[in-house]
All heavy atoms as atom14 arrays in JSON, in Angstrom:
{
  "sequence": "PDHMADNANVDFVISDADMETLMHMEHIA",
  "atom14_mask": [
    [1, 1, 1, 1, 1, 1, 1, 0, 0, 0, 0, 0, 0, 0],
    [1, 1, 1, 1, 1, 1, 1, 1, 0, 0, 0, 0, 0, 0],
    [1, 1, 1, 1, 1, 1, 1, 1, 1, 1, 0, 0, 0, 0],
    [1, 1, 1, 1, 1, 1, 1, 1, 0, 0, 0, 0, 0, 0],
    [1, 1, 1, 1, 1, 0, 0, 0, 0, 0, 0, 0, 0, 0],
    [1, 1, 1, 1, 1, 1, 1, 1, 0, 0, 0, 0, 0, 0],
    [1, 1, 1, 1, 1, 1, 1, 1, 0, 0, 0, 0, 0, 0],
    [1, 1, 1, 1, 1, 0, 0, 0, 0, 0, 0, 0, 0, 0],
    [1, 1, 1, 1, 1, 1, 1, 1, 0, 0, 0, 0, 0, 0],
    [1, 1, 1, 1, 1, 1, 1, 0, 0, 0, 0, 0, 0, 0],
    [1, 1, 1, 1, 1, 1, 1, 1, 0, 0, 0, 0, 0, 0],
    [1, 1, 1, 1, 1, 1, 1, 1, 1, 1, 1, 0, 0, 0],
    [1, 1, 1, 1, 1, 1, 1, 0, 0, 0, 0, 0, 0, 0],
    [1, 1, 1, 1, 1, 1, 1, 1, 0, 0, 0, 0, 0, 0],
    [1, 1, 1, 1, 1, 1, 0, 0, 0, 0, 0, 0, 0, 0],
    [1, 1, 1, 1, 1, 1, 1, 1, 0, 0, 0, 0, 0, 0],
    [1, 1, 1, 1, 1, 0, 0, 0, 0, 0, 0, 0, 0, 0],
    [1, 1, 1, 1, 1, 1, 1, 1, 0, 0, 0, 0, 0, 0],
    [1, 1, 1, 1, 1, 1, 1, 1, 0, 0, 0, 0, 0, 0],
    [1, 1, 1, 1, 1, 1, 1, 1, 1, 0, 0, 0, 0, 0],
    [1, 1, 1, 1, 1, 1, 1, 0, 0, 0, 0, 0, 0, 0],
    [1, 1, 1, 1, 1, 1, 1, 1, 0, 0, 0, 0, 0, 0],
    [1, 1, 1, 1, 1, 1, 1, 1, 0, 0, 0, 0, 0, 0],
    [1, 1, 1, 1, 1, 1, 1, 1, 1, 1, 0, 0, 0, 0],
    [1, 1, 1, 1, 1, 1, 1, 1, 0, 0, 0, 0, 0, 0],
    [1, 1, 1, 1, 1, 1, 1, 1, 1, 0, 0, 0, 0, 0],
    [1, 1, 1, 1, 1, 1, 1, 1, 1, 1, 0, 0, 0, 0],
    [1, 1, 1, 1, 1, 1, 1, 1, 0, 0, 0, 0, 0, 0],
    [1, 1, 1, 1, 1, 0, 0, 0, 0, 0, 0, 0, 0, 0]
  ],
  "atom14_positions": [
    [[55.47, -46.1, -54.01], [54.76, -47.34, -53.66], [55.6, -48.61, -53.88], [55.49, -49.57, -53.11], [53.53, -47.34, -54.56], [53.32, -45.9, -54.91], [54.7, -45.29, -54.96], [0.0, 0.0, 0.0], [0.0, 0.0, 0.0], [0.0, 0.0, 0.0], [0.0, 0.0, 0.0], [0.0, 0.0, 0.0], [0.0, 0.0, 0.0], [0.0, 0.0, 0.0]],
    [[56.43, -48.63, -54.91], [57.27, -49.8, -55.16], [58.29, -49.97, -54.04], [58.56, -51.09, -53.59], [57.99, -49.68, -56.51], [57.02, -49.76, -57.68], [55.95, -50.41, -57.55], [57.33, -49.17, -58.72], [0.0, 0.0, 0.0], [0.0, 0.0, 0.0], [0.0, 0.0, 0.0], [0.0, 0.0, 0.0], [0.0, 0.0, 0.0], [0.0, 0.0, 0.0]],
    [[58.88, -48.86, -53.6], [59.83, -48.93, -52.48], [59.14, -49.38, -51.21], [59.71, -50.13, -50.41], [60.52, -47.58, -52.27], [61.47, -47.22, -53.36], [62.0, -45.96, -53.48], [61.97, -47.93, -54.4], [62.79, -45.91, -54.54], [62.78, -47.1, -55.12], [0.0, 0.0, 0.0], [0.0, 0.0, 0.0], [0.0, 0.0, 0.0], [0.0, 0.0, 0.0]],
    [[57.9, -48.91, -51.0], [57.14, -49.33, -49.81], [56.97, -50.83, -49.79], [57.16, -51.48, -48.75], [55.77, -48.65, -49.78], [55.8, -47.21, -49.41], [54.11, -46.56, -49.41], [54.44, -44.84, -49.73], [0.0, 0.0, 0.0], [0.0, 0.0, 0.0], [0.0, 0.0, 0.0], [0.0, 0.0, 0.0], [0.0, 0.0, 0.0], [0.0, 0.0, 0.0]],
    [[56.61, -51.4, -50.94], [56.43, -52.85, -51.03], [57.75, -53.57, -50.78], [57.79, -54.55, -50.03], [55.86, -53.23, -52.39], [0.0, 0.0, 0.0], [0.0, 0.0, 0.0], [0.0, 0.0, 0.0], [0.0, 0.0, 0.0], [0.0, 0.0, 0.0], [0.0, 0.0, 0.0], [0.0, 0.0, 0.0], [0.0, 0.0, 0.0], [0.0, 0.0, 0.0]],
    [[58.82, -53.09, -51.39], [60.14, -53.7, -51.17], [60.56, -53.6, -49.71], [61.1, -54.54, -49.14], [61.21, -53.02, -52.04], [61.13, -53.43, -53.5], [60.48, -54.45, -53.8], [61.73, -52.72, -54.33], [0.0, 0.0, 0.0], [0.0, 0.0, 0.0], [0.0, 0.0, 0.0], [0.0, 0.0, 0.0], [0.0, 0.0, 0.0], [0.0, 0.0, 0.0]],
    [[60.32, -52.43, -49.11], [60.71, -52.22, -47.71], [60.02, -53.16, -46.75], [60.54, -53.47, -45.68], [60.45, -50.77, -47.29], [61.36, -49.78, -47.96], [62.36, -50.14, -48.59], [61.03, -48.5, -47.84], [0.0, 0.0, 0.0], [0.0, 0.0, 0.0], [0.0, 0.0, 0.0], [0.0, 0.0, 0.0], [0.0, 0.0, 0.0], [0.0, 0.0, 0.0]],
    [[58.84, -53.62, -47.12], [58.09, -54.54, -46.27], [58.52, -55.99, -46.46], [58.19, -56.86, -45.65], [56.6, -54.41, -46.53], [0.0, 0.0, 0.0], [0.0, 0.0, 0.0], [0.0, 0.0, 0.0], [0.0, 0.0, 0.0], [0.0, 0.0, 0.0], [0.0, 0.0, 0.0], [0.0, 0.0, 0.0], [0.0, 0.0, 0.0], [0.0, 0.0, 0.0]],
    [[59.26, -56.26, -47.51], [59.67, -57.63, -47.83], [61.04, -57.92, -47.21], [62.06, -57.96, -47.9], [59.7, -57.8, -49.35], [59.92, -59.23, -49.76], [59.83, -60.14, -48.94], [60.23, -59.44, -51.02], [0.0, 0.0, 0.0], [0.0, 0.0, 0.0], [0.0, 0.0, 0.0], [0.0, 0.0, 0.0], [0.0, 0.0, 0.0], [0.0, 0.0, 0.0]],
    [[61.04, -58.14, -45.91], [62.3, -58.37, -45.19], [62.25, -59.68, -44.41], [62.76, -59.79, -43.29], [62.64, -57.17, -44.26], [63.01, -55.95, -45.07], [61.5, -56.86, -43.31], [0.0, 0.0, 0.0], [0.0, 0.0, 0.0], [0.0, 0.0, 0.0], [0.0, 0.0, 0.0], [0.0, 0.0, 0.0], [0.0, 0.0, 0.0], [0.0, 0.0, 0.0]],
    [[61.68, -60.69, -45.05], [61.53, -62.0, -44.41], [62.77, -62.85, -44.68], [62.71, -63.85, -45.4], [60.27, -62.69, -44.94], [59.94, -63.94, -44.15], [60.38, -64.05, -43.0], [59.24, -64.81, -44.7], [0.0, 0.0, 0.0], [0.0, 0.0, 0.0], [0.0, 0.0, 0.0], [0.0, 0.0, 0.0], [0.0, 0.0, 0.0], [0.0, 0.0, 0.0]],
    [[63.88, -62.41, -44.13], [65.13, -63.16, -44.2], [65.88, -62.86, -42.91], [65.48, -62.0, -42.12], [65.96, -62.77, -45.44], [66.44, -61.35, -45.45], [67.72, -61.02, -45.03], [65.61, -60.32, -45.87], [68.16, -59.71, -45.04], [66.03, -59.0, -45.89], [67.32, -58.7, -45.48], [0.0, 0.0, 0.0], [0.0, 0.0, 0.0], [0.0, 0.0, 0.0]],
    [[66.94, -63.61, -42.66], [67.7, -63.43, -41.42], [69.15, -63.16, -41.77], [69.76, -63.89, -42.54], [67.59, -64.68, -40.51], [68.46, -64.54, -39.28], [66.13, -64.93, -40.13], [0.0, 0.0, 0.0], [0.0, 0.0, 0.0], [0.0, 0.0, 0.0], [0.0, 0.0, 0.0], [0.0, 0.0, 0.0], [0.0, 0.0, 0.0], [0.0, 0.0, 0.0]],
    [[69.69, -62.12, -41.18], [71.11, -61.8, -41.34], [71.87, -62.64, -40.32], [71.5, -62.7, -39.15], [71.36, -60.3, -41.08], [70.54, -59.44, -42.05], [72.85, -59.98, -41.21], [70.52, -57.95, -41.72], [0.0, 0.0, 0.0], [0.0, 0.0, 0.0], [0.0, 0.0, 0.0], [0.0, 0.0, 0.0], [0.0, 0.0, 0.0], [0.0, 0.0, 0.0]],
    [[72.92, -63.3, -40.75], [73.7, -64.16, -39.85], [74.31, -63.34, -38.72], [74.52, -62.13, -38.84], [74.81, -64.88, -40.62], [75.85, -63.96, -40.93], [0.0, 0.0, 0.0], [0.0, 0.0, 0.0], [0.0, 0.0, 0.0], [0.0, 0.0, 0.0], [0.0, 0.0, 0.0], [0.0, 0.0, 0.0], [0.0, 0.0, 0.0], [0.0, 0.0, 0.0]],
    [[74.62, -64.03, -37.62], [75.25, -63.36, -36.47], [76.57, -62.7, -36.87], [76.86, -61.58, -36.46], [75.49, -64.34, -35.33], [74.2, -64.81, -34.68], [73.14, -64.16, -34.87], [74.24, -65.85, -33.98], [0.0, 0.0, 0.0], [0.0, 0.0, 0.0], [0.0, 0.0, 0.0], [0.0, 0.0, 0.0], [0.0, 0.0, 0.0], [0.0, 0.0, 0.0]],
    [[77.35, -63.39, -37.68], [78.65, -62.84, -38.11], [78.45, -61.58, -38.95], [79.17, -60.59, -38.76], [79.43, -63.89, -38.9], [0.0, 0.0, 0.0], [0.0, 0.0, 0.0], [0.0, 0.0, 0.0], [0.0, 0.0, 0.0], [0.0, 0.0, 0.0], [0.0, 0.0, 0.0], [0.0, 0.0, 0.0], [0.0, 0.0, 0.0], [0.0, 0.0, 0.0]],
    [[77.47, -61.6, -39.84], [77.21, -60.41, -40.65], [76.62, -59.28, -39.81], [76.93, -58.1, -40.05], [76.31, -60.74, -41.83], [77.03, -61.55, -42.91], [78.27, -61.56, -42.93], [76.33, -62.17, -43.74], [0.0, 0.0, 0.0], [0.0, 0.0, 0.0], [0.0, 0.0, 0.0], [0.0, 0.0, 0.0], [0.0, 0.0, 0.0], [0.0, 0.0, 0.0]],
    [[75.8, -59.61, -38.83], [75.3, -58.57, -37.92], [76.46, -57.89, -37.2], [76.49, -56.66, -37.07], [74.31, -59.15, -36.9], [72.93, -59.44, -37.46], [71.99, -57.97, -37.98], [71.62, -57.21, -36.41], [0.0, 0.0, 0.0], [0.0, 0.0, 0.0], [0.0, 0.0, 0.0], [0.0, 0.0, 0.0], [0.0, 0.0, 0.0], [0.0, 0.0, 0.0]],
    [[77.42, -58.67, -36.75], [78.61, -58.1, -36.09], [79.35, -57.16, -37.03], [79.76, -56.06, -36.63], [79.55, -59.21, -35.63], [79.26, -59.78, -34.28], [79.33, -58.76, -33.15], [80.32, -58.0, -33.04], [78.37, -58.73, -32.36], [0.0, 0.0, 0.0], [0.0, 0.0, 0.0], [0.0, 0.0, 0.0], [0.0, 0.0, 0.0], [0.0, 0.0, 0.0]],
    [[79.52, -57.58, -38.26], [80.19, -56.74, -39.26], [79.42, -55.44, -39.44], [80.02, -54.35, -39.44], [80.29, -57.48, -40.6], [81.08, -58.65, -40.43], [80.91, -56.6, -41.68], [0.0, 0.0, 0.0], [0.0, 0.0, 0.0], [0.0, 0.0, 0.0], [0.0, 0.0, 0.0], [0.0, 0.0, 0.0], [0.0, 0.0, 0.0], [0.0, 0.0, 0.0]],
    [[78.11, -55.52, -39.58], [77.3, -54.33, -39.8], [77.29, -53.41, -38.58], [77.3, -52.19, -38.71], [75.87, -54.73, -40.18], [75.73, -55.48, -41.51], [74.3, -55.99, -41.68], [76.14, -54.61, -42.68], [0.0, 0.0, 0.0], [0.0, 0.0, 0.0], [0.0, 0.0, 0.0], [0.0, 0.0, 0.0], [0.0, 0.0, 0.0], [0.0, 0.0, 0.0]],
    [[77.29, -53.99, -37.39], [77.29, -53.19, -36.16], [78.54, -52.34, -36.03], [78.51, -51.29, -35.41], [77.18, -54.1, -34.93], [75.79, -54.53, -34.6], [75.8, -55.46, -33.06], [75.07, -56.97, -33.62], [0.0, 0.0, 0.0], [0.0, 0.0, 0.0], [0.0, 0.0, 0.0], [0.0, 0.0, 0.0], [0.0, 0.0, 0.0], [0.0, 0.0, 0.0]],
    [[79.63, -52.81, -36.58], [80.91, -52.14, -36.4], [81.43, -51.51, -37.69], [82.62, -51.22, -37.81], [81.92, -53.12, -35.8], [81.48, -53.61, -34.46], [80.85, -54.82, -34.29], [81.51, -53.02, -33.25], [80.54, -54.96, -33.02], [80.92, -53.89, -32.37], [0.0, 0.0, 0.0], [0.0, 0.0, 0.0], [0.0, 0.0, 0.0], [0.0, 0.0, 0.0]],
    [[80.53, -51.29, -38.64], [80.92, -50.67, -39.9], [81.31, -49.21, -39.65], [80.79, -48.56, -38.75], [79.77, -50.76, -40.88], [80.14, -50.4, -42.29], [78.85, -50.9, -43.45], [79.21, -52.66, -43.56], [0.0, 0.0, 0.0], [0.0, 0.0, 0.0], [0.0, 0.0, 0.0], [0.0, 0.0, 0.0], [0.0, 0.0, 0.0], [0.0, 0.0, 0.0]],
    [[82.21, -48.72, -40.48], [82.68, -47.34, -40.35], [81.5, -46.37, -40.41], [80.6, -46.51, -41.24], [83.68, -47.02, -41.46], [84.28, -45.65, -41.34], [85.32, -45.37, -42.42], [85.8, -46.33, -43.05], [85.63, -44.19, -42.62], [0.0, 0.0, 0.0], [0.0, 0.0, 0.0], [0.0, 0.0, 0.0], [0.0, 0.0, 0.0], [0.0, 0.0, 0.0]],
    [[81.54, -45.38, -39.52], [80.47, -44.4, -39.42], [80.34, -43.57, -40.69], [81.35, -43.13, -41.25], [80.74, -43.47, -38.22], [79.63, -42.53, -37.93], [78.43, -42.93, -37.4], [79.53, -41.2, -38.12], [77.65, -41.88, -37.25], [78.29, -40.81, -37.69], [0.0, 0.0, 0.0], [0.0, 0.0, 0.0], [0.0, 0.0, 0.0], [0.0, 0.0, 0.0]],
    [[79.13, -43.36, -41.14], [78.89, -42.46, -42.28], [79.08, -41.04, -41.78], [78.38, -40.59, -40.87], [77.46, -42.66, -42.85], [77.34, -44.05, -43.48], [77.13, -41.56, -43.86], [75.95, -44.42, -43.94], [0.0, 0.0, 0.0], [0.0, 0.0, 0.0], [0.0, 0.0, 0.0], [0.0, 0.0, 0.0], [0.0, 0.0, 0.0], [0.0, 0.0, 0.0]],
    [[80.03, -40.36, -42.35], [80.39, -39.02, -41.88], [79.61, -37.92, -42.59], [79.53, -36.79, -42.11], [81.88, -38.79, -42.06], [0.0, 0.0, 0.0], [0.0, 0.0, 0.0], [0.0, 0.0, 0.0], [0.0, 0.0, 0.0], [0.0, 0.0, 0.0], [0.0, 0.0, 0.0], [0.0, 0.0, 0.0], [0.0, 0.0, 0.0], [0.0, 0.0, 0.0]]
  ]
}
């Protein structure tokens, strides 16, 4: 239940530059 509450608390914005970084992060093998 604590993780559920945390998972719902995503009221922030990731910057465009950071989104680009995350989009091209090395694949988890």
